Amino acid sequence: MKHLRWTLVGTAVWLSACASTAPPTSAPAQAPAQWQAPLPHQGQLGDLASWWQRLDDPLLVQLIEAAQSVSPSVASAASRIGQARATAVGAGAALLPSLDASASASRGVSQPNVPIATTAQAGLQAAWEIDLFGSNRAALNAAQARQQGAQAQWHDARVAVAAEVASQYVTVRACALLRGLAGEDAQSRQETARLSGLSTRAGFTAPAVDALARASAAEAKNRLVQQLTQCDIYLKAMVALTGLPEADLAQKLAAAPIPPEQIALFSIASIPAQALAQRPDIFSAERDVAAASFDVGNAQGQRYPRLTLSGAIGGMQVRSAGVSDNFNTWSIGPLALSLPLFDGGQRSANVDAAQARYTEAVAVYRGKVRQAVREVEEALVNLRSSADRAADTQVAAEGYQASFAATQARYQAGVASLPELEDARRTALAADTNVIALQRERLLAWVALYRAVGGGWTSPADSTASLP
């Protein structure tokens, strides 16, 4: 018997040496050696993780925190962490022995002419699968990799919500500026129309000129109504993001002054691979590659023999006719070796499926890296473009505003015509609108860059952020 046991163990060990290895747990990132778009080096550099606080707008920070607390994507990501953690615990349990307890009691007659007997018994049963081929260890490693990926996805969800709220907030603030600009323009045109009407009724102005003034005033009023409607839509979108009551949010926005344009710069790594290492979605995809590799190892291990050891200990008491007998039992074994002989190709198919999932995970990971590079490059290009256009846009606005003021003075003096005034007014309004639009564009580019480089997230080895 002893010789047979060692023969079985030796056979299992020999077969384990024949097992194929799993694919690599990581894939090359294939990131470029350097950014093609220039990095923003001017200005004050701040920490990416606390960028919102550096914008000197407490309301924005409050809105981001509110949105993250009610976001379904953040809640779902937190739930997936719990699921992954439970799966990892279950996978780790397969490496440990299992222990079960049982107890029973019965009363009756088991044989003719035998007094009624009361039988009580209890026992412990233990079992342990010796992980010769690393199948269970691979399953545990895969579960742990997916847990790390789920934690990174939670951070990614929070960063995505913060960026979305910031983008919407910038849009709401820009809309408020445009609303004020449209209101001033409508009021100015209405006053021009009023004076033109008085002059027409006095016989100093032609009716056609008065009609032009009234048309211009109506156009401005229509534009103001459109702007008010657009701002109301943006407000409702912000309500949906933050979960705050619309009346309270509108009051907060009205009470908080619109801060001047402040571009709080933050630094990003000049080497793309270092910058992309800060993205939680890429880290999660990388962990998916590792998990898929361990899944291949697990599937390969299922094709080879399984070695299990079991044991039991128990006790029984029989009570009949005032006499009590006790019986105690124990056993170690059997040490069993299970050899898969024929399964119709199921285990081999499982290995092929795991290999295909690994190939898919690598392709997804590399695709995310390429997409991340694109997002960073686009944000950098937009930043440079907005910075290059800022000075000229401001000069144009100031120039057109000065021209409008001069034309208005000439019109009031009777030297310029109303069409000249309206043309100058229209050009000045467009220039002022371009200034606000450019400010919004630049802020949105910074938000996009914040999102593209991971929002201040760091890998688990360096991260101190709390998890749900």
Protein backbone atom coordinates (compact mmCIF):
# COMPACT_ATOMS: atom_id res chain seq x y z
CA MET A 1 0.00 0.00 0.00
CA LYS A 2 2.81 2.37 0.88
CA HIS A 3 4.53 1.58 -2.40
CA LEU A 4 1.34 2.34 -4.33
CA ARG A 5 0.87 5.68 -2.59
CA TRP A 6 4.34 6.88 -3.45
CA THR A 7 3.92 5.63 -7.00
CA LEU A 8 0.80 7.77 -7.39
CA VAL A 9 2.52 10.81 -5.94
CA GLY A 10 5.54 10.31 -8.18
CA THR A 11 3.32 9.99 -11.22
CA ALA A 12 1.52 13.25 -10.37
CA VAL A 13 4.81 15.09 -9.89
CA TRP A 14 6.12 13.78 -13.20
CA LEU A 15 2.99 14.91 -15.00
CA SER A 16 3.27 18.35 -13.45
CA ALA A 17 6.62 18.83 -15.16
CA CYS A 18 4.87 18.30 -18.49
CA ALA A 19 2.33 21.07 -17.90
CA SER A 20 2.58 24.04 -20.27
CA THR A 21 3.12 27.51 -18.91
CA ALA A 22 0.66 30.41 -19.00
CA PRO A 23 1.27 33.45 -21.27
CA PRO A 24 2.95 36.58 -19.86
CA THR A 25 0.97 38.51 -17.25
CA SER A 26 1.82 41.86 -18.87
CA ALA A 27 1.93 43.25 -22.40
CA PRO A 28 4.11 46.03 -23.86
CA ALA A 29 2.40 49.42 -23.51
CA GLN A 30 3.49 50.60 -26.98
CA ALA A 31 3.40 54.24 -25.88
CA PRO A 32 5.36 56.83 -27.92
CA ALA A 33 8.71 57.99 -26.67
CA GLN A 34 7.55 61.60 -26.31
CA TRP A 35 4.50 63.80 -26.73
CA GLN A 36 4.07 65.35 -30.15
CA ALA A 37 2.14 68.35 -28.81
CA PRO A 38 4.07 70.77 -26.56
CA LEU A 39 3.55 70.59 -22.81
CA PRO A 40 2.32 73.67 -20.92
CA HIS A 41 5.36 74.84 -18.98
CA GLN A 42 4.38 78.38 -18.09
CA GLY A 43 2.55 79.37 -14.92
CA GLN A 44 2.35 77.86 -11.48
CA LEU A 45 2.39 74.10 -11.27
CA GLY A 46 0.07 72.44 -8.78
CA ASP A 47 -0.84 68.96 -7.63
CA LEU A 48 -3.16 67.21 -10.06
CA ALA A 49 -5.17 65.45 -7.34
CA SER A 50 -6.15 68.71 -5.61
CA TRP A 51 -6.60 70.75 -8.76
CA TRP A 52 -10.21 71.64 -7.98
CA GLN A 53 -9.22 73.35 -4.74
CA ARG A 54 -6.63 75.41 -6.64
CA LEU A 55 -9.33 76.92 -8.87
CA ASP A 56 -10.44 79.05 -5.89
CA ASP A 57 -14.10 78.15 -6.40
CA PRO A 58 -15.59 76.41 -3.32
CA LEU A 59 -18.90 75.84 -5.10
CA LEU A 60 -17.23 73.68 -7.75
CA VAL A 61 -15.63 71.50 -5.07
CA GLN A 62 -18.99 71.16 -3.33
CA LEU A 63 -20.74 70.18 -6.55
CA ILE A 64 -18.12 67.56 -7.41
CA GLU A 65 -18.44 65.97 -3.97
CA ALA A 66 -22.24 65.96 -4.27
CA ALA A 67 -22.12 64.36 -7.72
CA GLN A 68 -19.69 61.65 -6.64
CA SER A 69 -21.92 60.75 -3.69
CA VAL A 70 -24.99 60.16 -5.89
CA SER A 71 -23.34 58.91 -9.08
CA PRO A 72 -24.65 55.47 -10.15
CA SER A 73 -21.36 54.74 -11.93
CA VAL A 74 -19.37 55.32 -8.73
CA ALA A 75 -21.84 53.19 -6.74
CA SER A 76 -21.64 50.40 -9.33
CA ALA A 77 -17.84 50.52 -9.26
CA ALA A 78 -17.89 50.27 -5.45
CA SER A 79 -20.21 47.28 -5.70
CA ARG A 80 -17.85 45.58 -8.15
CA ILE A 81 -15.02 45.99 -5.63
CA GLY A 82 -17.08 44.09 -3.07
CA GLN A 83 -17.87 41.37 -5.58
CA ALA A 84 -14.22 41.04 -6.62
CA ARG A 85 -13.10 40.95 -3.00
CA ALA A 86 -15.56 38.14 -2.21
CA THR A 87 -14.43 36.21 -5.29
CA ALA A 88 -10.82 36.50 -4.18
CA VAL A 89 -11.69 35.17 -0.72
CA GLY A 90 -13.49 32.24 -2.30
CA ALA A 91 -10.56 31.48 -4.59
CA GLY A 92 -8.14 31.60 -1.69
CA ALA A 93 -10.27 29.14 0.28
CA ALA A 94 -9.60 26.47 -2.36
CA LEU A 95 -5.94 26.39 -1.27
CA LEU A 96 -6.85 25.59 2.33
CA PRO A 97 -8.28 22.43 3.88
CA SER A 98 -12.04 22.31 4.40
CA LEU A 99 -13.57 21.17 7.69
CA ASP A 100 -17.19 20.15 8.17
CA ALA A 101 -19.01 19.13 11.34
CA SER A 102 -22.04 16.89 11.58
CA ALA A 103 -24.29 15.74 14.40
CA SER A 104 -27.39 13.54 14.51
CA ALA A 105 -29.66 11.78 16.97
CA SER A 106 -32.25 9.05 16.50
CA ARG A 107 -34.49 6.80 18.60
CA GLY A 108 -36.12 3.55 17.54
CA VAL A 109 -35.88 -0.20 17.10
CA SER A 110 -33.28 -1.35 14.64
CA GLN A 111 -33.76 -5.15 15.04
CA PRO A 112 -36.57 -7.43 16.28
CA ASN A 113 -36.55 -8.34 19.96
CA VAL A 114 -34.11 -5.45 20.69
CA PRO A 115 -35.15 -2.74 23.17
CA ILE A 116 -35.69 0.80 21.99
CA ALA A 117 -32.34 2.53 21.56
CA THR A 118 -31.29 6.18 21.48
CA THR A 119 -28.33 6.88 19.22
CA ALA A 120 -26.37 10.18 19.17
CA GLN A 121 -23.33 10.80 17.04
CA ALA A 122 -21.07 13.72 16.03
CA GLY A 123 -18.04 14.01 13.82
CA LEU A 124 -15.61 16.16 11.86
CA GLN A 125 -14.68 15.60 8.22
CA ALA A 126 -11.65 17.26 6.63
CA ALA A 127 -10.57 17.41 2.99
CA TRP A 128 -7.67 19.08 1.21
CA GLU A 129 -6.77 19.26 -2.44
CA ILE A 130 -3.01 19.40 -2.89
CA ASP A 131 -2.47 22.00 -5.60
CA LEU A 132 0.20 20.09 -7.55
CA PHE A 133 -0.22 21.95 -10.82
CA GLY A 134 -1.00 25.43 -9.44
CA SER A 135 -4.56 25.51 -10.78
CA ASN A 136 -6.07 26.84 -7.56
CA ARG A 137 -3.18 29.26 -7.06
CA ALA A 138 -3.74 30.60 -10.57
CA ALA A 139 -7.44 31.08 -9.82
CA LEU A 140 -6.54 33.05 -6.68
CA ASN A 141 -4.05 35.22 -8.60
CA ALA A 142 -6.67 35.93 -11.26
CA ALA A 143 -9.22 36.93 -8.62
CA GLN A 144 -6.73 39.22 -6.89
CA ALA A 145 -5.81 40.88 -10.20
CA ARG A 146 -9.47 41.52 -10.93
CA GLN A 147 -9.92 42.97 -7.45
CA GLN A 148 -7.09 45.42 -8.09
CA GLY A 149 -8.67 46.29 -11.43
CA ALA A 150 -12.04 46.89 -9.77
CA GLN A 151 -10.43 49.25 -7.26
CA ALA A 152 -8.85 51.21 -10.11
CA GLN A 153 -12.20 51.36 -11.91
CA TRP A 154 -13.73 52.95 -8.80
CA HIS A 155 -11.11 55.69 -8.94
CA ASP A 156 -11.71 56.06 -12.67
CA ALA A 157 -15.44 56.49 -12.08
CA ARG A 158 -14.79 59.23 -9.52
CA VAL A 159 -12.39 61.03 -11.86
CA ALA A 160 -14.90 60.78 -14.71
CA VAL A 161 -17.67 62.25 -12.56
CA ALA A 162 -15.41 65.08 -11.37
CA ALA A 163 -14.43 65.94 -14.94
CA GLU A 164 -18.04 65.81 -16.13
CA VAL A 165 -19.23 68.09 -13.33
CA ALA A 166 -16.36 70.50 -13.96
CA SER A 167 -17.12 70.63 -17.69
CA GLN A 168 -20.79 71.25 -17.03
CA TYR A 169 -19.97 73.85 -14.40
CA VAL A 170 -17.70 75.72 -16.80
CA THR A 171 -20.49 75.62 -19.38
CA VAL A 172 -23.03 76.97 -16.86
CA ARG A 173 -20.70 79.79 -15.84
CA ALA A 174 -19.97 80.69 -19.46
CA CYS A 175 -23.69 80.67 -20.19
CA ALA A 176 -24.24 83.11 -17.32
CA LEU A 177 -21.66 85.47 -18.83
CA LEU A 178 -23.27 85.18 -22.26
CA ARG A 179 -26.67 85.76 -20.68
CA GLY A 180 -25.42 89.01 -19.13
CA LEU A 181 -23.88 90.05 -22.43
CA ALA A 182 -27.12 89.32 -24.29
CA GLY A 183 -29.10 91.25 -21.69
CA GLU A 184 -26.91 94.33 -22.03
CA ASP A 185 -27.12 94.12 -25.80
CA ALA A 186 -30.92 93.79 -25.73
CA GLN A 187 -31.22 96.75 -23.39
CA SER A 188 -28.95 98.89 -25.58
CA ARG A 189 -30.87 98.05 -28.75
CA GLN A 190 -34.16 98.67 -27.03
CA GLU A 191 -33.00 102.13 -26.03
CA THR A 192 -31.85 102.84 -29.58
CA ALA A 193 -35.25 101.74 -30.88
CA ARG A 194 -37.00 104.01 -28.37
CA LEU A 195 -34.97 107.05 -29.38
CA SER A 196 -35.45 106.21 -33.04
CA GLY A 197 -39.20 106.03 -32.54
CA LEU A 198 -39.26 109.44 -30.91
CA SER A 199 -37.18 110.89 -33.75
CA THR A 200 -39.45 109.32 -36.37
CA ARG A 201 -42.59 110.65 -34.78
CA ALA A 202 -40.98 114.10 -34.67
CA GLY A 203 -40.27 113.85 -38.39
CA PHE A 204 -36.46 113.78 -38.11
CA THR A 205 -35.97 110.08 -39.00
CA ALA A 206 -37.30 108.06 -41.88
CA PRO A 207 -39.79 105.25 -41.07
CA ALA A 208 -37.46 102.69 -42.68
CA VAL A 209 -34.71 103.58 -40.22
CA ASP A 210 -37.15 103.24 -37.33
CA ALA A 211 -38.21 99.83 -38.65
CA LEU A 212 -34.56 98.75 -38.68
CA ALA A 213 -34.13 99.86 -35.06
CA ARG A 214 -37.22 97.99 -33.96
CA ALA A 215 -36.13 94.87 -35.86
CA SER A 216 -32.71 95.02 -34.23
CA ALA A 217 -34.29 95.32 -30.78
CA ALA A 218 -36.59 92.37 -31.48
CA GLU A 219 -33.62 90.29 -32.67
CA ALA A 220 -31.70 91.07 -29.48
CA LYS A 221 -34.68 90.15 -27.34
CA ASN A 222 -35.06 86.87 -29.20
CA ARG A 223 -31.36 86.13 -28.68
CA LEU A 224 -31.72 86.85 -24.96
CA VAL A 225 -34.64 84.43 -24.65
CA GLN A 226 -32.66 81.73 -26.42
CA GLN A 227 -29.72 82.30 -24.09
CA LEU A 228 -31.97 82.11 -21.02
CA THR A 229 -33.44 78.84 -22.31
CA GLN A 230 -29.99 77.37 -22.91
CA CYS A 231 -28.85 78.35 -19.42
CA ASP A 232 -31.93 76.73 -17.94
CA ILE A 233 -31.16 73.50 -19.80
CA TYR A 234 -27.56 73.54 -18.53
CA LEU A 235 -28.86 74.08 -14.99
CA LYS A 236 -31.13 71.05 -15.23
CA ALA A 237 -28.21 68.95 -16.47
CA MET A 238 -26.24 70.05 -13.40
CA VAL A 239 -29.19 69.09 -11.18
CA ALA A 240 -29.17 65.60 -12.69
CA LEU A 241 -25.42 65.26 -12.07
CA THR A 242 -25.35 66.48 -8.47
CA GLY A 243 -28.76 65.37 -7.19
CA LEU A 244 -29.28 68.79 -5.58
CA PRO A 245 -32.71 70.43 -5.70
CA GLU A 246 -32.93 72.82 -8.63
CA ALA A 247 -34.02 75.77 -6.49
CA ASP A 248 -31.11 75.27 -4.09
CA LEU A 249 -28.60 74.87 -6.91
CA ALA A 250 -29.88 77.97 -8.70
CA GLN A 251 -29.59 79.92 -5.45
CA LYS A 252 -26.02 78.72 -4.90
CA LEU A 253 -25.03 79.67 -8.43
CA ALA A 254 -26.66 83.09 -8.10
CA ALA A 255 -25.01 83.76 -4.74
CA ALA A 256 -21.53 82.64 -5.79
CA PRO A 257 -19.71 85.30 -7.80
CA ILE A 258 -18.33 84.26 -11.17
CA PRO A 259 -14.57 84.09 -10.55
CA PRO A 260 -12.20 85.65 -13.04
CA GLU A 261 -10.51 83.32 -15.48
CA GLN A 262 -7.98 81.35 -13.48
CA ILE A 263 -5.99 78.63 -15.17
CA ALA A 264 -4.37 76.62 -12.41
CA LEU A 265 -1.67 74.68 -14.20
CA PHE A 266 -0.60 71.21 -13.16
CA SER A 267 2.40 69.25 -14.30
CA ILE A 268 2.28 66.00 -16.23
CA ALA A 269 5.10 63.63 -16.97
CA SER A 270 7.03 64.47 -20.13
CA ILE A 271 7.38 60.76 -20.96
CA PRO A 272 4.02 59.34 -22.15
CA ALA A 273 4.51 55.95 -20.50
CA GLN A 274 4.93 57.66 -17.11
CA ALA A 275 1.90 59.88 -17.62
CA LEU A 276 -0.30 57.00 -18.77
CA ALA A 277 0.72 54.95 -15.74
CA GLN A 278 -1.41 57.43 -13.74
CA ARG A 279 -4.61 56.39 -15.54
CA PRO A 280 -6.73 53.97 -13.51
CA ASP A 281 -8.53 52.62 -16.58
CA ILE A 282 -5.22 51.57 -18.16
CA PHE A 283 -4.11 49.97 -14.89
CA SER A 284 -7.42 48.09 -14.78
CA ALA A 285 -6.93 46.87 -18.34
CA GLU A 286 -3.41 45.78 -17.42
CA ARG A 287 -4.81 43.81 -14.47
CA ASP A 288 -7.32 42.21 -16.85
CA VAL A 289 -4.37 40.95 -18.90
CA ALA A 290 -2.79 39.46 -15.79
CA ALA A 291 -6.09 37.87 -14.73
CA ALA A 292 -6.57 36.37 -18.19
CA SER A 293 -3.05 34.94 -18.03
CA PHE A 294 -3.80 33.30 -14.68
CA ASP A 295 -7.08 31.98 -16.11
CA VAL A 296 -5.05 30.21 -18.79
CA GLY A 297 -2.89 28.64 -16.08
CA ASN A 298 -6.01 27.58 -14.18
CA ALA A 299 -7.54 25.99 -17.29
CA GLN A 300 -4.28 24.18 -18.05
CA GLY A 301 -4.12 22.85 -14.51
CA GLN A 302 -7.59 21.35 -14.86
CA ARG A 303 -6.25 19.00 -17.56
CA TYR A 304 -3.92 17.19 -15.17
CA PRO A 305 -4.44 14.87 -12.21
CA ARG A 306 -5.88 16.02 -8.89
CA LEU A 307 -4.48 14.81 -5.58
CA THR A 308 -6.74 15.01 -2.52
CA LEU A 309 -6.35 13.98 1.10
CA SER A 310 -9.25 13.49 3.48
CA GLY A 311 -9.77 12.48 7.07
CA ALA A 312 -12.47 12.15 9.68
CA ILE A 313 -12.99 11.81 13.42
CA GLY A 314 -16.24 11.00 15.12
CA GLY A 315 -17.98 9.67 18.17
CA MET A 316 -21.25 7.80 18.74
CA GLN A 317 -23.25 6.93 21.85
CA VAL A 318 -25.94 4.21 21.93
CA ARG A 319 -28.32 4.08 24.88
CA SER A 320 -30.70 1.11 25.26
CA ALA A 321 -32.38 -0.51 28.25
CA GLY A 322 -30.43 1.65 30.63
CA VAL A 323 -27.11 0.62 29.11
CA SER A 324 -24.90 3.15 27.33
CA ASP A 325 -22.07 2.35 24.91
CA ASN A 326 -19.62 4.82 23.36
CA PHE A 327 -17.82 4.34 20.05
CA ASN A 328 -15.04 6.65 18.78
CA THR A 329 -13.64 6.48 15.24
CA TRP A 330 -10.97 8.30 13.24
CA SER A 331 -9.29 7.94 9.88
CA ILE A 332 -6.66 9.65 7.72
CA GLY A 333 -7.15 9.12 4.04
CA PRO A 334 -7.66 8.16 1.46
CA LEU A 335 -4.92 9.93 -0.45
CA ALA A 336 -6.67 9.91 -3.82
CA LEU A 337 -5.28 10.69 -7.26
CA SER A 338 -7.84 11.50 -9.93
CA LEU A 339 -6.66 11.11 -13.53
CA PRO A 340 -8.80 12.70 -16.28
CA LEU A 341 -8.95 10.22 -19.16
CA PHE A 342 -11.71 11.32 -21.51
CA ASP A 343 -14.00 14.34 -21.41
CA GLY A 344 -14.82 14.85 -25.08
CA GLY A 345 -12.30 17.69 -25.38
CA GLN A 346 -13.95 19.89 -22.74
CA ARG A 347 -10.78 20.71 -20.79
CA SER A 348 -8.80 21.37 -23.95
CA ALA A 349 -11.57 23.66 -25.17
CA ASN A 350 -11.47 25.53 -21.85
CA VAL A 351 -7.76 26.18 -22.38
CA ASP A 352 -8.40 27.46 -25.90
CA ALA A 353 -11.17 29.74 -24.64
CA ALA A 354 -8.89 31.11 -21.91
CA GLN A 355 -6.17 31.74 -24.48
CA ALA A 356 -8.66 33.62 -26.67
CA ARG A 357 -9.77 35.75 -23.71
CA TYR A 358 -6.13 36.53 -23.00
CA THR A 359 -5.60 37.66 -26.59
CA GLU A 360 -8.69 39.85 -26.30
CA ALA A 361 -7.48 41.38 -23.01
CA VAL A 362 -4.12 42.26 -24.58
CA ALA A 363 -5.83 43.88 -27.57
CA VAL A 364 -8.15 45.89 -25.30
CA TYR A 365 -5.22 47.02 -23.16
CA ARG A 366 -3.21 48.21 -26.14
CA GLY A 367 -6.27 49.94 -27.57
CA LYS A 368 -6.81 51.82 -24.30
CA VAL A 369 -3.18 52.96 -24.34
CA ARG A 370 -3.54 54.31 -27.87
CA GLN A 371 -6.80 56.05 -26.97
CA ALA A 372 -5.19 57.57 -23.86
CA VAL A 373 -2.32 58.95 -25.95
CA ARG A 374 -4.84 60.47 -28.33
CA GLU A 375 -6.81 62.11 -25.50
CA VAL A 376 -3.69 63.67 -23.97
CA GLU A 377 -2.41 64.90 -27.33
CA GLU A 378 -5.79 66.44 -28.22
CA ALA A 379 -6.01 68.20 -24.86
CA LEU A 380 -2.49 69.58 -25.27
CA VAL A 381 -3.26 70.79 -28.80
CA ASN A 382 -6.43 72.52 -27.61
CA LEU A 383 -4.55 74.14 -24.75
CA ARG A 384 -1.87 75.48 -27.05
CA SER A 385 -4.47 76.69 -29.56
CA SER A 386 -6.49 78.54 -26.93
CA ALA A 387 -3.38 80.08 -25.45
CA ASP A 388 -2.14 81.27 -28.84
CA ARG A 389 -5.51 82.84 -29.67
CA ALA A 390 -6.13 84.51 -26.30
CA ALA A 391 -4.19 87.73 -26.89
CA ASP A 392 -5.55 88.33 -30.38
CA THR A 393 -9.11 87.58 -29.30
CA GLN A 394 -8.85 90.10 -26.47
CA VAL A 395 -7.33 92.77 -28.73
CA ALA A 396 -10.09 92.22 -31.27
CA ALA A 397 -12.79 92.55 -28.61
CA GLU A 398 -11.31 95.75 -27.23
CA GLY A 399 -10.89 97.21 -30.69
CA TYR A 400 -14.41 96.41 -31.84
CA GLN A 401 -15.82 97.73 -28.57
CA ALA A 402 -13.95 101.01 -29.07
CA SER A 403 -15.20 101.18 -32.63
CA PHE A 404 -18.78 100.61 -31.49
CA ALA A 405 -18.46 103.32 -28.82
CA ALA A 406 -17.16 105.79 -31.44
CA THR A 407 -19.89 104.87 -33.91
CA GLN A 408 -22.53 105.26 -31.24
CA ALA A 409 -21.22 108.74 -30.39
CA ARG A 410 -21.26 109.68 -34.07
CA TYR A 411 -24.81 108.30 -34.41
CA GLN A 412 -26.00 110.35 -31.45
CA ALA A 413 -24.38 113.41 -33.03
CA GLY A 414 -26.23 112.70 -36.26
CA VAL A 415 -23.07 111.93 -38.25
CA ALA A 416 -23.39 108.10 -38.50
CA SER A 417 -26.38 106.17 -39.78
CA LEU A 418 -28.31 103.54 -37.89
CA PRO A 419 -27.09 100.69 -40.19
CA GLU A 420 -23.52 101.71 -39.37
CA LEU A 421 -24.35 101.62 -35.66
CA GLU A 422 -26.02 98.22 -35.85
CA ASP A 423 -23.15 96.77 -37.86
CA ALA A 424 -20.64 98.04 -35.29
CA ARG A 425 -22.78 96.73 -32.47
CA ARG A 426 -23.09 93.29 -34.08
CA THR A 427 -19.35 93.04 -34.61
CA ALA A 428 -18.58 94.09 -31.02
CA LEU A 429 -21.09 91.56 -29.66
CA ALA A 430 -19.52 88.76 -31.71
CA ALA A 431 -16.05 89.71 -30.46
CA ASP A 432 -17.15 89.74 -26.81
CA THR A 433 -18.85 86.38 -27.33
CA ASN A 434 -15.61 84.99 -28.78
CA VAL A 435 -13.72 86.05 -25.63
CA ILE A 436 -16.11 84.13 -23.39
CA ALA A 437 -16.13 81.13 -25.73
CA LEU A 438 -12.33 81.02 -25.74
CA GLN A 439 -12.18 81.15 -21.95
CA ARG A 440 -14.62 78.25 -21.81
CA GLU A 441 -12.65 76.35 -24.43
CA ARG A 442 -9.41 76.70 -22.50
CA LEU A 443 -10.93 75.65 -19.20
CA LEU A 444 -12.53 72.63 -20.87
CA ALA A 445 -9.14 71.72 -22.35
CA TRP A 446 -7.63 71.73 -18.86
CA VAL A 447 -10.47 69.53 -17.63
CA ALA A 448 -9.90 67.16 -20.55
CA LEU A 449 -6.18 67.02 -19.76
CA TYR A 450 -6.99 66.33 -16.10
CA ARG A 451 -9.19 63.44 -17.20
CA ALA A 452 -6.71 62.19 -19.80
CA VAL A 453 -3.82 61.80 -17.33
CA GLY A 454 -5.83 60.04 -14.65
CA GLY A 455 -6.96 62.84 -12.37
CA GLY A 456 -4.19 62.38 -9.82
CA TRP A 457 -4.67 58.64 -9.33
CA THR A 458 -1.61 56.57 -8.42
CA SER A 459 -1.00 52.84 -8.56
CA PRO A 460 -1.89 50.73 -5.47
CA ALA A 461 1.77 50.54 -4.47
CA ASP A 462 1.90 54.33 -4.08
CA SER A 463 -1.74 55.20 -3.39
CA THR A 464 -2.97 56.22 0.03
CA ALA A 465 -6.54 57.05 -1.07
CA SER A 466 -9.29 55.28 0.82
CA LEU A 467 -11.48 52.74 -0.92
CA PRO A 468 -15.14 51.94 -0.30
